[in-house]
C-alpha atoms as a PDB file:
ATOM      1  CA  MET A   1     -11.991  13.357  -8.561  1.00  0.00           C
ATOM      2  CA  SER A   2     -13.228  14.720 -11.828  1.00  0.00           C
ATOM      3  CA  ALA A   3     -11.655  14.093 -15.218  1.00  0.00           C
ATOM      4  CA  ASP A   4     -10.523  17.738 -15.219  1.00  0.00           C
ATOM      5  CA  ASP A   5      -8.595  17.176 -11.976  1.00  0.00           C
ATOM      6  CA  LEU A   6      -6.843  14.191 -13.530  1.00  0.00           C
ATOM      7  CA  SER A   7      -6.131  15.769 -16.895  1.00  0.00           C
ATOM      8  CA  PRO A   8      -2.527  16.842 -16.115  1.00  0.00           C
ATOM      9  CA  LEU A   9      -1.716  13.367 -14.826  1.00  0.00           C
ATOM     10  CA  LEU A  10      -3.309  11.732 -17.863  1.00  0.00           C
ATOM     11  CA  ASP A  11      -1.373  14.109 -20.132  1.00  0.00           C
ATOM     12  CA  HIS A  12       1.862  13.132 -18.389  1.00  0.00           C
ATOM     13  CA  LEU A  13       1.157   9.413 -18.671  1.00  0.00           C
ATOM     14  CA  GLU A  14       0.161   9.769 -22.305  1.00  0.00           C
ATOM     15  CA  GLN A  15       3.449  11.567 -23.044  1.00  0.00           C
ATOM     16  CA  SER A  16       5.332   8.666 -21.478  1.00  0.00           C
ATOM     17  CA  GLY A  17       3.864   6.304 -24.076  1.00  0.00           C
ATOM     18  CA  ILE A  18       0.751   4.963 -22.369  1.00  0.00           C
ATOM     19  CA  SER A  19      -2.488   5.383 -24.261  1.00  0.00           C
ATOM     20  CA  ARG A  20      -4.874   7.835 -22.635  1.00  0.00           C
ATOM     21  CA  SER A  21      -7.609   5.219 -22.305  1.00  0.00           C
ATOM     22  CA  VAL A  22      -5.287   2.770 -20.509  1.00  0.00           C
ATOM     23  CA  ALA A  23      -3.912   5.568 -18.332  1.00  0.00           C
ATOM     24  CA  ALA A  24      -7.454   6.643 -17.416  1.00  0.00           C
ATOM     25  CA  ARG A  25      -8.398   3.096 -16.371  1.00  0.00           C
ATOM     26  CA  VAL A  26      -5.243   2.682 -14.286  1.00  0.00           C
ATOM     27  CA  VAL A  27      -5.665   6.066 -12.595  1.00  0.00           C
ATOM     28  CA  GLU A  28      -9.316   5.262 -11.814  1.00  0.00           C
ATOM     29  CA  GLU A  29      -8.233   2.001 -10.159  1.00  0.00           C
ATOM     30  CA  VAL A  30      -5.524   3.740  -8.120  1.00  0.00           C
ATOM     31  CA  VAL A  31      -7.903   6.487  -6.994  1.00  0.00           C
ATOM     32  CA  ALA A  32     -10.491   3.862  -5.996  1.00  0.00           C
ATOM     33  CA  TYR A  33      -7.839   1.886  -4.091  1.00  0.00           C
ATOM     34  CA  PHE A  34      -6.736   4.896  -2.076  1.00  0.00           C
ATOM     35  CA  SER A  35     -10.327   6.056  -1.555  1.00  0.00           C
ATOM     36  CA  GLU A  36     -11.055   2.906   0.435  1.00  0.00           C
ATOM     37  CA  SER A  37     -11.958   3.773   4.025  1.00  0.00           C
ATOM     38  CA  SER A  38      -9.934   2.335   6.893  1.00  0.00           C
ATOM     39  CA  GLU A  39     -12.816   0.047   7.795  1.00  0.00           C
ATOM     40  CA  GLU A  40     -13.121  -1.222   4.201  1.00  0.00           C
ATOM     41  CA  PHE A  41      -9.358  -1.802   4.072  1.00  0.00           C
ATOM     42  CA  VAL A  42      -9.377  -3.742   7.355  1.00  0.00           C
ATOM     43  CA  ARG A  43     -12.238  -5.996   6.257  1.00  0.00           C
ATOM     44  CA  ARG A  44     -10.784  -6.593   2.779  1.00  0.00           C
ATOM     45  CA  ARG A  45      -7.308  -7.424   4.116  1.00  0.00           C
ATOM     46  CA  HIS A  46      -8.802  -9.747   6.733  1.00  0.00           C
ATOM     47  CA  ARG A  47     -10.656 -11.682   4.011  1.00  0.00           C
ATOM     48  CA  GLU A  48      -7.493 -11.842   1.873  1.00  0.00           C
ATOM     49  CA  LEU A  49      -5.366 -13.066   4.763  1.00  0.00           C
ATOM     50  CA  GLN A  50      -7.991 -15.641   5.775  1.00  0.00           C
ATOM     51  CA  ARG A  51      -7.981 -17.016   2.219  1.00  0.00           C
ATOM     52  CA  ALA A  52      -4.179 -17.195   2.415  1.00  0.00           C
ATOM     53  CA  GLY A  53      -4.438 -19.276   5.591  1.00  0.00           C
ATOM     54  CA  VAL A  54      -3.130 -16.628   7.997  1.00  0.00           C
ATOM     55  CA  THR A  55      -4.495 -17.047  11.513  1.00  0.00           C
ATOM     56  CA  ASN A  56      -6.508 -14.296  13.170  1.00  0.00           C
ATOM     57  CA  ALA A  57      -3.816 -13.893  15.809  1.00  0.00           C
ATOM     58  CA  GLN A  58      -1.275 -13.124  13.073  1.00  0.00           C
ATOM     59  CA  SER A  59      -3.569 -11.144  10.799  1.00  0.00           C
ATOM     60  CA  LEU A  60      -4.794  -8.614  13.374  1.00  0.00           C
ATOM     61  CA  GLY A  61      -1.312  -7.295  14.061  1.00  0.00           C
ATOM     62  CA  GLN A  62      -0.370  -7.408  10.395  1.00  0.00           C
ATOM     63  CA  ILE A  63      -3.455  -5.414   9.398  1.00  0.00           C
ATOM     64  CA  ALA A  64      -2.790  -2.813  12.101  1.00  0.00           C
ATOM     65  CA  ARG A  65       0.802  -2.389  10.823  1.00  0.00           C
ATOM     66  CA  GLU A  66      -0.293  -2.227   7.177  1.00  0.00           C
ATOM     67  CA  LEU A  67      -2.960   0.362   7.917  1.00  0.00           C
ATOM     68  CA  VAL A  68      -0.481   2.957   9.196  1.00  0.00           C
ATOM     69  CA  ALA A  69       2.028   2.133   6.425  1.00  0.00           C
ATOM     70  CA  ARG A  70      -0.377   2.854   3.555  1.00  0.00           C
ATOM     71  CA  ARG A  71       0.462   5.690   1.168  1.00  0.00           C
ATOM     72  CA  VAL A  72      -2.564   7.510   2.545  1.00  0.00           C
ATOM     73  CA  PRO A  73      -2.408   6.080   6.057  1.00  0.00           C
ATOM     74  CA  GLY A  74      -5.357   5.353   8.214  1.00  0.00           C
ATOM     75  CA  PRO A  75      -5.370   5.869  11.952  1.00  0.00           C
ATOM     76  CA  ALA A  76      -3.130   3.826  14.205  1.00  0.00           C
ATOM     77  CA  LEU A  77      -5.326   1.042  15.568  1.00  0.00           C
ATOM     78  CA  SER A  78      -4.719  -1.591  18.212  1.00  0.00           C
ATOM     79  CA  GLU A  79      -5.344  -5.252  17.424  1.00  0.00           C
ATOM     80  CA  ARG A  80      -8.515  -4.988  19.511  1.00  0.00           C
ATOM     81  CA  GLN A  81      -9.784  -2.069  17.389  1.00  0.00           C
ATOM     82  CA  VAL A  82      -9.027  -4.026  14.208  1.00  0.00           C
ATOM     83  CA  ARG A  83     -10.926  -7.035  15.606  1.00  0.00           C
ATOM     84  CA  ARG A  84     -13.924  -4.809  16.429  1.00  0.00           C
ATOM     85  CA  MET A  85     -13.977  -3.442  12.868  1.00  0.00           C
ATOM     86  CA  ILE A  86     -14.078  -6.959  11.504  1.00  0.00           C
ATOM     87  CA  TYR A  87     -16.526  -8.543  13.925  1.00  0.00           C
ATOM     88  CA  GLY A  88     -18.424  -5.546  15.250  1.00  0.00           C
END
């Protein structure tokens, strides 16, 4: 997205009391977050859940459920498809 595309949103946030520079940084982060591909999301969440001590058996189903519940949802995947994204 270009800065021109985001200008109305930045204007709105600025009018609500947030500085334009802070609003721009936050919007950039949100756009980057939702631009993450399904495969990137699956791999990132798997790493996060591993660090949190969640077992693979638990994490595969959780990731599959989270993927379809995202604001910009990815495809519905089975646990096997999630596993293949992670391990190839």
